[in-house]
Amino acid sequence: MTTITEPKFAHASTPAKALALLMLGLLGMFLVGGVGFAGTPAIHDAAHDVRHTLSFPCH
């Protein structure tokens, strides 16, 4: 018999969930902004292609 269990974060407190969302938001901002405007052309071009794939406006 298989028992379905809830994820460990399902019972996390509200401040813990808020912190997790904040950290995810900061990571996303870094990936889109920091990597997208990187000086290295290969990194910038890869991020640029991903933005176009996700229909994210970039220019």
N, C-alpha and C. Protein backbone atom coordinates (compact mmCIF):
# COMPACT_ATOMS: atom_id res chain seq x y z
N MET A 1 0.84 -1.18 0.00
CA MET A 1 0.00 0.00 0.00
C MET A 1 0.89 1.25 0.00
N THR A 2 0.58 2.20 -0.85
CA THR A 2 1.36 3.42 -0.97
C THR A 2 0.68 4.54 -0.20
N THR A 3 1.49 5.25 0.58
CA THR A 3 0.98 6.38 1.34
C THR A 3 1.46 7.66 0.68
N ILE A 4 0.54 8.58 0.44
CA ILE A 4 0.90 9.87 -0.14
C ILE A 4 1.16 10.84 1.00
N THR A 5 2.33 11.44 0.97
CA THR A 5 2.69 12.38 2.03
C THR A 5 2.74 13.79 1.46
N GLU A 6 2.51 14.77 2.30
CA GLU A 6 2.59 16.16 1.91
C GLU A 6 4.05 16.61 1.88
N PRO A 7 4.37 17.58 1.03
CA PRO A 7 5.74 18.11 1.05
C PRO A 7 6.07 18.72 2.41
N LYS A 8 7.35 18.73 2.75
CA LYS A 8 7.76 19.24 4.06
C LYS A 8 7.42 20.71 4.24
N PHE A 9 7.40 21.47 3.15
CA PHE A 9 7.13 22.90 3.27
C PHE A 9 5.65 23.21 3.39
N ALA A 10 4.78 22.21 3.29
CA ALA A 10 3.34 22.45 3.35
C ALA A 10 2.91 23.03 4.69
N HIS A 11 3.62 22.69 5.74
CA HIS A 11 3.27 23.16 7.08
C HIS A 11 4.21 24.27 7.56
N ALA A 12 4.93 24.88 6.64
CA ALA A 12 5.85 25.95 7.02
C ALA A 12 5.06 27.18 7.46
N SER A 13 5.69 27.96 8.31
CA SER A 13 5.03 29.17 8.82
C SER A 13 4.96 30.23 7.72
N THR A 14 4.11 31.20 7.93
CA THR A 14 3.94 32.27 6.95
C THR A 14 5.24 33.06 6.72
N PRO A 15 5.99 33.42 7.77
CA PRO A 15 7.26 34.12 7.51
C PRO A 15 8.24 33.27 6.70
N ALA A 16 8.25 31.97 6.91
CA ALA A 16 9.15 31.10 6.15
C ALA A 16 8.73 31.07 4.68
N LYS A 17 7.45 31.03 4.42
CA LYS A 17 6.97 31.05 3.03
C LYS A 17 7.28 32.40 2.38
N ALA A 18 7.11 33.48 3.13
CA ALA A 18 7.39 34.81 2.60
C ALA A 18 8.89 34.95 2.27
N LEU A 19 9.74 34.42 3.14
CA LEU A 19 11.18 34.46 2.88
C LEU A 19 11.52 33.64 1.64
N ALA A 20 10.90 32.49 1.48
CA ALA A 20 11.15 31.66 0.30
C ALA A 20 10.73 32.39 -0.97
N LEU A 21 9.58 33.06 -0.95
CA LEU A 21 9.12 33.81 -2.12
C LEU A 21 10.06 34.98 -2.41
N LEU A 22 10.52 35.64 -1.37
CA LEU A 22 11.46 36.74 -1.55
C LEU A 22 12.75 36.26 -2.20
N MET A 23 13.28 35.15 -1.72
CA MET A 23 14.52 34.60 -2.26
C MET A 23 14.34 34.17 -3.72
N LEU A 24 13.19 33.57 -4.03
CA LEU A 24 12.93 33.19 -5.42
C LEU A 24 12.81 34.42 -6.32
N GLY A 25 12.19 35.46 -5.81
CA GLY A 25 12.08 36.69 -6.57
C GLY A 25 13.44 37.31 -6.84
N LEU A 26 14.29 37.34 -5.83
CA LEU A 26 15.64 37.88 -6.01
C LEU A 26 16.45 37.05 -7.00
N LEU A 27 16.32 35.74 -6.93
CA LEU A 27 17.01 34.87 -7.87
C LEU A 27 16.53 35.14 -9.29
N GLY A 28 15.23 35.29 -9.46
CA GLY A 28 14.69 35.59 -10.78
C GLY A 28 15.18 36.92 -11.31
N MET A 29 15.21 37.92 -10.44
CA MET A 29 15.69 39.24 -10.86
C MET A 29 17.15 39.17 -11.27
N PHE A 30 17.94 38.39 -10.54
CA PHE A 30 19.35 38.23 -10.89
C PHE A 30 19.50 37.54 -12.24
N LEU A 31 18.72 36.48 -12.45
CA LEU A 31 18.84 35.74 -13.70
C LEU A 31 18.44 36.59 -14.90
N VAL A 32 17.34 37.30 -14.78
CA VAL A 32 16.87 38.11 -15.91
C VAL A 32 17.73 39.36 -16.07
N GLY A 33 17.97 40.06 -14.98
CA GLY A 33 18.71 41.33 -15.05
C GLY A 33 20.21 41.17 -15.07
N GLY A 34 20.72 40.47 -14.08
CA GLY A 34 22.17 40.33 -13.95
C GLY A 34 22.82 39.58 -15.09
N VAL A 35 22.26 38.46 -15.44
CA VAL A 35 22.83 37.66 -16.51
C VAL A 35 22.49 38.27 -17.87
N GLY A 36 21.29 38.83 -17.98
CA GLY A 36 20.88 39.42 -19.25
C GLY A 36 21.73 40.60 -19.66
N PHE A 37 22.24 41.34 -18.70
CA PHE A 37 23.07 42.50 -19.01
C PHE A 37 24.55 42.23 -18.76
N ALA A 38 24.92 40.97 -18.75
CA ALA A 38 26.32 40.58 -18.52
C ALA A 38 27.19 41.09 -19.66
N GLY A 39 28.44 41.35 -19.35
CA GLY A 39 29.36 41.84 -20.36
C GLY A 39 29.84 40.76 -21.31
N THR A 40 29.83 39.51 -20.87
CA THR A 40 30.27 38.40 -21.72
C THR A 40 29.22 38.14 -22.79
N PRO A 41 29.56 38.24 -24.05
CA PRO A 41 28.57 38.09 -25.11
C PRO A 41 27.85 36.73 -25.10
N ALA A 42 28.56 35.66 -24.79
CA ALA A 42 27.92 34.33 -24.80
C ALA A 42 26.83 34.23 -23.74
N ILE A 43 27.09 34.77 -22.56
CA ILE A 43 26.09 34.73 -21.48
C ILE A 43 24.92 35.62 -21.83
N HIS A 44 25.21 36.80 -22.34
CA HIS A 44 24.15 37.73 -22.72
C HIS A 44 23.28 37.14 -23.83
N ASP A 45 23.90 36.56 -24.84
CA ASP A 45 23.14 35.99 -25.95
C ASP A 45 22.28 34.82 -25.51
N ALA A 46 22.78 33.99 -24.59
CA ALA A 46 21.99 32.87 -24.09
C ALA A 46 20.77 33.39 -23.33
N ALA A 47 20.98 34.39 -22.48
CA ALA A 47 19.86 34.97 -21.73
C ALA A 47 18.88 35.65 -22.67
N HIS A 48 19.39 36.30 -23.70
CA HIS A 48 18.55 36.99 -24.67
C HIS A 48 17.66 35.98 -25.41
N ASP A 49 18.23 34.86 -25.80
CA ASP A 49 17.45 33.83 -26.49
C ASP A 49 16.37 33.25 -25.58
N VAL A 50 16.70 33.06 -24.31
CA VAL A 50 15.70 32.53 -23.37
C VAL A 50 14.58 33.54 -23.18
N ARG A 51 14.91 34.81 -23.08
CA ARG A 51 13.86 35.84 -22.94
C ARG A 51 12.92 35.81 -24.13
N HIS A 52 13.46 35.68 -25.33
CA HIS A 52 12.60 35.61 -26.51
C HIS A 52 11.74 34.34 -26.49
N THR A 53 12.31 33.23 -26.07
CA THR A 53 11.57 31.97 -26.00
C THR A 53 10.40 32.09 -25.03
N LEU A 54 10.59 32.80 -23.93
CA LEU A 54 9.54 32.95 -22.91
C LEU A 54 8.63 34.15 -23.19
N SER A 55 8.78 34.78 -24.33
CA SER A 55 8.00 35.96 -24.73
C SER A 55 8.18 37.12 -23.74
N PHE A 56 9.35 37.22 -23.16
CA PHE A 56 9.68 38.30 -22.23
C PHE A 56 10.20 39.48 -23.04
N PRO A 57 9.59 40.65 -22.93
CA PRO A 57 10.05 41.78 -23.73
C PRO A 57 11.44 42.25 -23.29
N CYS A 58 12.32 42.39 -24.25
CA CYS A 58 13.66 42.82 -23.88
C CYS A 58 14.15 43.98 -24.74
N HIS A 59 13.47 44.26 -25.84
CA HIS A 59 13.83 45.44 -26.66
C HIS A 59 12.70 45.79 -27.57
